[in-house]
Amino acid sequence: MFRPEPRYTSPVDLTILRAACWQEETVDIRYVDGEGVISERTILPLSLFYTDTCVTALSWCCLREDFRMFRTDRMSEIRPNGLSFRPRRVPLLRDYLSQLQMRRRVQGNGSG
């Protein structure tokens, strides 16, 4: 009988992150970047997306004051902190999409 291997591995409970997205609550994470540097972040999780290799959280990073992508397989800890960012989620998502469109326009104009 064929049994596929688990597709995603994450050291943190993704239900906490999913709930934080839907309930518009900030979370504190411990994150290890691609170079092995550990940082503590407070994030506003906006959305989770799945690729063939990992789950990533599109978030507003309070430390960097900008949008960041955090791979959940690089999170070593996630803690709800009880702070709400309601009703900022939808406006933040709109801002993110506007930034993406602007980058595409700039890249499109620079390739001619």
C-alpha atoms as a PDB file:
ATOM      1  CA  MET A   1       0.000   0.000   0.000  1.00  0.00           C
ATOM      2  CA  PHE A   2       1.328   3.435  -0.961  1.00  0.00           C
ATOM      3  CA  ARG A   3       1.634   5.935   1.872  1.00  0.00           C
ATOM      4  CA  PRO A   4       2.942   9.341   0.910  1.00  0.00           C
ATOM      5  CA  GLU A   5       5.450  10.961   3.176  1.00  0.00           C
ATOM      6  CA  PRO A   6       4.243  14.019   5.064  1.00  0.00           C
ATOM      7  CA  ARG A   7       4.568  16.989   2.767  1.00  0.00           C
ATOM      8  CA  TYR A   8       5.257  19.658   5.345  1.00  0.00           C
ATOM      9  CA  THR A   9       7.206  19.578   8.532  1.00  0.00           C
ATOM     10  CA  SER A  10       6.907  22.356  11.052  1.00  0.00           C
ATOM     11  CA  PRO A  11       8.250  22.462  14.587  1.00  0.00           C
ATOM     12  CA  VAL A  12       5.356  24.742  15.613  1.00  0.00           C
ATOM     13  CA  ASP A  13       1.626  24.143  15.837  1.00  0.00           C
ATOM     14  CA  LEU A  14       0.177  25.660  12.673  1.00  0.00           C
ATOM     15  CA  THR A  15      -3.312  25.781  14.194  1.00  0.00           C
ATOM     16  CA  ILE A  16      -2.050  28.607  16.440  1.00  0.00           C
ATOM     17  CA  LEU A  17      -0.867  30.542  13.402  1.00  0.00           C
ATOM     18  CA  ARG A  18      -4.053  29.853  11.414  1.00  0.00           C
ATOM     19  CA  ALA A  19      -6.192  31.017  14.340  1.00  0.00           C
ATOM     20  CA  ALA A  20      -4.098  34.175  14.702  1.00  0.00           C
ATOM     21  CA  CYS A  21      -4.646  34.981  11.007  1.00  0.00           C
ATOM     22  CA  TRP A  22      -8.412  34.560  11.241  1.00  0.00           C
ATOM     23  CA  GLN A  23      -8.770  36.241  14.615  1.00  0.00           C
ATOM     24  CA  GLU A  24      -6.388  39.054  13.626  1.00  0.00           C
ATOM     25  CA  GLU A  25      -4.132  38.615  16.640  1.00  0.00           C
ATOM     26  CA  THR A  26      -0.416  39.240  16.838  1.00  0.00           C
ATOM     27  CA  VAL A  27       2.000  36.488  17.774  1.00  0.00           C
ATOM     28  CA  ASP A  28       5.569  36.358  19.014  1.00  0.00           C
ATOM     29  CA  ILE A  29       7.866  33.986  17.180  1.00  0.00           C
ATOM     30  CA  ARG A  30      11.418  32.749  17.490  1.00  0.00           C
ATOM     31  CA  TYR A  31      12.767  32.505  13.960  1.00  0.00           C
ATOM     32  CA  VAL A  32      15.937  31.090  12.457  1.00  0.00           C
ATOM     33  CA  ASP A  33      16.819  32.707   9.127  1.00  0.00           C
ATOM     34  CA  GLY A  34      18.547  30.996   6.205  1.00  0.00           C
ATOM     35  CA  GLU A  35      21.961  31.812   7.657  1.00  0.00           C
ATOM     36  CA  GLY A  36      21.143  30.353  11.077  1.00  0.00           C
ATOM     37  CA  VAL A  37      20.628  33.685  12.864  1.00  0.00           C
ATOM     38  CA  ILE A  38      17.959  33.479  15.572  1.00  0.00           C
ATOM     39  CA  SER A  39      15.646  36.416  16.187  1.00  0.00           C
ATOM     40  CA  GLU A  40      12.556  37.172  18.240  1.00  0.00           C
ATOM     41  CA  ARG A  41       9.778  38.847  16.284  1.00  0.00           C
ATOM     42  CA  THR A  42       6.275  40.103  16.876  1.00  0.00           C
ATOM     43  CA  ILE A  43       4.272  39.610  13.712  1.00  0.00           C
ATOM     44  CA  LEU A  44       0.808  40.285  12.381  1.00  0.00           C
ATOM     45  CA  PRO A  45       0.102  37.094  10.446  1.00  0.00           C
ATOM     46  CA  LEU A  46      -1.948  37.959   7.372  1.00  0.00           C
ATOM     47  CA  SER A  47      -2.051  34.741   5.397  1.00  0.00           C
ATOM     48  CA  LEU A  48      -0.527  31.285   5.118  1.00  0.00           C
ATOM     49  CA  PHE A  49       0.436  29.875   1.775  1.00  0.00           C
ATOM     50  CA  TYR A  50       1.624  26.465   0.766  1.00  0.00           C
ATOM     51  CA  THR A  51       4.300  25.538  -1.756  1.00  0.00           C
ATOM     52  CA  ASP A  52       5.613  22.134  -2.652  1.00  0.00           C
ATOM     53  CA  THR A  53       8.295  22.386   0.062  1.00  0.00           C
ATOM     54  CA  CYS A  54       6.973  24.491   2.943  1.00  0.00           C
ATOM     55  CA  VAL A  55       4.269  26.606   4.530  1.00  0.00           C
ATOM     56  CA  THR A  56       4.986  30.325   4.663  1.00  0.00           C
ATOM     57  CA  ALA A  57       3.316  33.084   6.656  1.00  0.00           C
ATOM     58  CA  LEU A  58       2.877  36.420   4.917  1.00  0.00           C
ATOM     59  CA  SER A  59       3.139  38.828   7.845  1.00  0.00           C
ATOM     60  CA  TRP A  60       3.670  42.385   8.912  1.00  0.00           C
ATOM     61  CA  CYS A  61       6.893  42.343  10.943  1.00  0.00           C
ATOM     62  CA  CYS A  62       6.756  44.827  13.822  1.00  0.00           C
ATOM     63  CA  LEU A  63      10.565  44.852  14.117  1.00  0.00           C
ATOM     64  CA  ARG A  64      11.210  45.709  10.456  1.00  0.00           C
ATOM     65  CA  GLU A  65       7.959  47.652  10.029  1.00  0.00           C
ATOM     66  CA  ASP A  66       7.439  45.976   6.684  1.00  0.00           C
ATOM     67  CA  PHE A  67       5.979  42.890   5.076  1.00  0.00           C
ATOM     68  CA  ARG A  68       7.983  39.708   5.527  1.00  0.00           C
ATOM     69  CA  MET A  69       7.635  36.057   4.618  1.00  0.00           C
ATOM     70  CA  PHE A  70       8.338  33.642   7.456  1.00  0.00           C
ATOM     71  CA  ARG A  71       8.757  29.964   6.663  1.00  0.00           C
ATOM     72  CA  THR A  72       7.057  27.932   9.363  1.00  0.00           C
ATOM     73  CA  ASP A  73       9.758  25.252   9.233  1.00  0.00           C
ATOM     74  CA  ARG A  74      12.178  27.927  10.486  1.00  0.00           C
ATOM     75  CA  MET A  75      10.002  28.936  13.433  1.00  0.00           C
ATOM     76  CA  SER A  76      11.160  27.285  16.622  1.00  0.00           C
ATOM     77  CA  GLU A  77       8.459  28.846  18.782  1.00  0.00           C
ATOM     78  CA  ILE A  78       5.173  30.658  18.372  1.00  0.00           C
ATOM     79  CA  ARG A  79       3.238  32.326  21.188  1.00  0.00           C
ATOM     80  CA  PRO A  80      -0.038  34.203  20.946  1.00  0.00           C
ATOM     81  CA  ASN A  81       0.360  37.469  22.851  1.00  0.00           C
ATOM     82  CA  GLY A  82      -3.303  38.480  23.063  1.00  0.00           C
ATOM     83  CA  LEU A  83      -2.954  41.703  21.067  1.00  0.00           C
ATOM     84  CA  SER A  84      -5.472  42.345  18.318  1.00  0.00           C
ATOM     85  CA  PHE A  85      -4.698  44.077  15.040  1.00  0.00           C
ATOM     86  CA  ARG A  86      -8.329  44.127  13.927  1.00  0.00           C
ATOM     87  CA  PRO A  87      -9.399  45.720  11.576  1.00  0.00           C
ATOM     88  CA  ARG A  88      -5.960  46.140   9.925  1.00  0.00           C
ATOM     89  CA  ARG A  89      -5.717  42.759   8.164  1.00  0.00           C
ATOM     90  CA  VAL A  90      -7.629  43.665   4.983  1.00  0.00           C
ATOM     91  CA  PRO A  91      -5.968  47.090   4.572  1.00  0.00           C
ATOM     92  CA  LEU A  92      -2.551  45.486   5.104  1.00  0.00           C
ATOM     93  CA  LEU A  93      -3.298  42.835   2.481  1.00  0.00           C
ATOM     94  CA  ARG A  94      -4.367  45.579   0.063  1.00  0.00           C
ATOM     95  CA  ASP A  95      -1.130  47.470   0.757  1.00  0.00           C
ATOM     96  CA  TYR A  96       0.889  44.324   0.119  1.00  0.00           C
ATOM     97  CA  LEU A  97      -0.874  43.715  -3.209  1.00  0.00           C
ATOM     98  CA  SER A  98      -0.309  47.358  -4.186  1.00  0.00           C
ATOM     99  CA  GLN A  99       3.409  46.977  -3.469  1.00  0.00           C
ATOM    100  CA  LEU A 100       3.539  43.836  -5.624  1.00  0.00           C
ATOM    101  CA  GLN A 101       1.802  45.604  -8.513  1.00  0.00           C
ATOM    102  CA  MET A 102       4.170  48.562  -8.216  1.00  0.00           C
ATOM    103  CA  ARG A 103       7.224  46.267  -8.306  1.00  0.00           C
ATOM    104  CA  ARG A 104       5.879  44.529 -11.404  1.00  0.00           C
ATOM    105  CA  ARG A 105       5.375  47.865 -13.146  1.00  0.00           C
ATOM    106  CA  VAL A 106       8.892  49.000 -12.242  1.00  0.00           C
ATOM    107  CA  GLN A 107      10.409  45.691 -13.373  1.00  0.00           C
ATOM    108  CA  GLY A 108       8.361  45.774 -16.563  1.00  0.00           C
ATOM    109  CA  ASN A 109       9.550  49.291 -17.400  1.00  0.00           C
ATOM    110  CA  GLY A 110      13.180  48.479 -16.646  1.00  0.00           C
ATOM    111  CA  SER A 111      13.452  45.500 -18.981  1.00  0.00           C
ATOM    112  CA  GLY A 112      12.889  47.418 -22.253  1.00  0.00           C
END
